Protein backbone atom coordinates (compact mmCIF):
# COMPACT_ATOMS: atom_id res chain seq x y z
CA MET A 1 7.57 29.35 7.61
CA ASP A 2 8.68 25.90 6.06
CA LYS A 3 9.88 23.93 9.11
CA GLU A 4 11.28 21.11 7.16
CA GLY A 5 15.23 20.67 6.41
CA THR A 6 16.62 19.73 3.51
CA ASP A 7 17.45 15.92 4.93
CA GLY A 8 13.41 15.69 5.62
CA GLY A 9 13.90 16.55 9.16
CA GLU A 10 12.47 19.53 11.09
CA VAL A 11 14.52 22.85 11.48
CA PRO A 12 14.31 24.22 15.14
CA SER A 13 13.00 27.93 15.26
CA MET A 14 14.37 30.73 16.50
CA GLN A 15 11.78 30.80 19.18
CA GLU A 16 12.78 27.58 20.37
CA GLY A 17 16.32 28.63 20.79
CA GLY A 18 17.90 28.22 17.46
CA ALA A 19 20.22 25.29 16.19
CA PRO A 20 22.66 24.09 18.84
CA ILE A 21 25.83 25.85 18.99
CA GLY A 22 29.11 24.11 19.99
CA GLU A 23 30.93 26.18 22.35
CA GLU A 24 34.65 26.27 22.88
CA ASN A 25 36.68 27.95 25.39
CA LEU A 26 40.26 28.28 24.19
CA THR A 27 42.55 31.15 23.90
CA ARG A 28 45.79 31.92 22.18
CA LEU A 29 47.95 34.52 23.20
CA ILE A 30 51.25 36.33 22.26
CA GLY A 31 52.72 38.46 24.39
CA ARG A 32 55.42 40.06 26.91
CA LEU A 33 55.85 39.28 30.69
CA THR A 34 55.24 42.36 32.25
CA ARG A 35 57.64 40.85 35.26
CA LYS A 36 59.23 37.95 36.55
CA PRO A 37 56.85 34.83 37.07
CA LEU A 38 55.92 34.38 40.95
CA MET A 39 56.51 30.78 41.28
CA VAL A 40 54.69 28.76 43.87
CA GLU A 41 55.32 25.41 45.37
CA VAL A 42 52.03 23.56 45.63
CA THR A 43 51.04 20.02 47.42
CA GLY A 44 52.87 17.32 46.45
CA GLY A 45 55.78 19.75 45.35
CA HIS A 46 54.45 20.52 42.05
CA LYS A 47 55.51 24.19 40.95
CA LYS A 48 52.82 26.78 39.97
CA ALA A 49 53.60 29.77 38.01
CA ILE A 50 51.72 33.14 38.09
CA PHE A 51 52.56 36.07 35.55
CA THR A 52 50.90 38.56 33.38
CA LEU A 53 51.16 38.89 29.89
CA ALA A 54 51.17 42.55 28.12
CA VAL A 55 49.42 41.57 24.59
CA THR A 56 48.93 44.12 22.20
CA ARG A 57 46.13 44.83 19.47
CA ARG A 58 46.96 46.88 16.33
CA TYR A 59 44.37 48.37 14.45
CA ARG A 60 43.66 51.84 12.57
CA ASP A 61 41.35 54.39 13.57
CA SER A 62 38.46 55.88 11.64
CA GLU A 63 40.68 58.25 9.76
CA SER A 64 43.34 55.30 8.71
CA ARG A 65 45.88 56.35 11.46
CA PRO A 66 47.52 53.32 13.36
CA LYS A 67 46.98 52.75 16.50
CA GLN A 68 47.62 50.04 19.36
CA GLN A 69 45.86 48.87 22.47
CA LYS A 70 47.27 46.84 25.22
CA ALA A 71 45.55 44.24 27.38
CA PHE A 72 47.13 42.74 30.36
CA VAL A 73 46.25 39.05 30.90
CA PRO A 74 46.78 37.25 34.11
CA VAL A 75 47.93 33.48 33.06
CA VAL A 76 48.79 30.58 35.42
CA ALA A 77 50.65 27.35 34.54
CA TRP A 78 51.68 24.12 36.02
CA ARG A 79 54.23 21.59 36.49
CA SER A 80 56.15 21.40 33.53
CA LEU A 81 54.93 24.55 31.98
CA ALA A 82 55.80 26.51 34.93
CA ALA A 83 59.25 25.18 34.80
CA GLN A 84 59.30 26.96 31.26
CA VAL A 85 58.82 30.20 32.66
CA GLU A 86 60.81 29.83 35.97
CA THR A 87 63.80 31.40 34.52
CA LEU A 88 62.19 34.12 32.20
CA GLY A 89 62.31 37.61 32.82
CA LYS A 90 60.26 40.67 32.40
CA ASP A 91 59.74 41.30 28.45
CA SER A 92 60.31 37.67 27.36
CA ALA A 93 58.07 37.02 24.73
CA VAL A 94 56.04 33.57 25.02
CA LEU A 95 53.07 32.11 23.10
CA VAL A 96 50.32 30.50 25.41
CA GLU A 97 47.29 28.49 24.66
CA GLY A 98 44.73 27.41 27.28
CA HIS A 99 41.08 27.97 28.25
CA LEU A 100 39.68 31.12 30.56
CA ARG A 101 39.02 30.05 34.11
CA THR A 102 36.76 32.56 36.61
CA TRP A 103 35.72 32.95 40.04
CA SER A 104 34.13 35.08 42.18
CA ASP A 105 34.21 35.62 46.00
CA PRO A 106 31.47 33.91 48.08
CA LYS A 107 29.03 36.72 47.54
CA GLY A 108 29.57 37.02 44.15
CA LYS A 109 30.48 40.40 44.17
CA ASN A 110 34.04 40.50 43.23
CA PHE A 111 34.88 38.64 39.91
CA ARG A 112 38.34 37.27 38.57
CA TRP A 113 39.77 35.42 35.56
CA GLU A 114 42.70 33.99 34.06
CA VAL A 115 44.38 31.84 31.41
CA ALA A 116 45.26 28.30 32.44
CA ALA A 117 47.92 27.40 30.35
CA GLU A 118 47.82 24.05 28.56
CA MET A 119 50.64 24.69 25.86
CA LEU A 120 53.39 27.38 26.09
CA GLU A 121 56.34 28.01 23.78
CA VAL A 122 59.10 30.48 24.66
CA LEU A 123 59.73 33.06 21.64
CA GLU A 124 62.07 35.25 23.42
CA ARG A 125 64.12 34.54 26.50
CA LEU A 126 65.32 37.17 28.49
CA GLU A 127 67.11 35.82 31.56
CA SER A 128 65.56 37.10 34.93
CA PRO A 129 68.27 38.67 37.17
CA THR A 130 69.21 36.57 40.14
CA ASP A 131 67.86 39.66 42.54
CA ASN A 132 66.64 42.54 40.90
CA ARG A 133 66.25 44.19 44.10
CA ALA A 134 69.81 44.57 45.04
CA PRO A 135 71.24 48.03 43.97
CA LYS A 136 74.10 48.05 41.17
CA LYS A 137 77.74 48.34 42.27
CA GLU A 138 78.18 51.71 40.71
CA GLU A 139 74.49 52.59 42.85
CA ALA A 140 76.20 50.97 46.16
CA ALA A 141 79.38 52.78 45.62
CA ALA A 142 77.94 56.23 45.72
């Protein structure tokens, strides 16, 4: 096989690993919060929000019937992004752009991943009740 490229340079063979491929760690999700975000204050007084997005993928099966599949994606947002989601409640819709972070325990057996938010936009705001564990007035009277 001819190894000379169009510019006269040598084209790397597949056995040598092929042409270099640029790698990118970027994800973009639109989904709904599965519950109110967990807010944590970290060292220095900065806010950290931890929440899960339910993301739906729609497709058609082999018989052209519409189907959908949900994925539950853990997300962490810091500082001003955390403040944006602090008052959101369950089922609020958000757009998140960020990168994947992974880690495992010291033995390398338990593996976790999450999306670290770099940009966040609230698409539909559903306010979080002040205390969703408190019984409603009708329930308390019964």
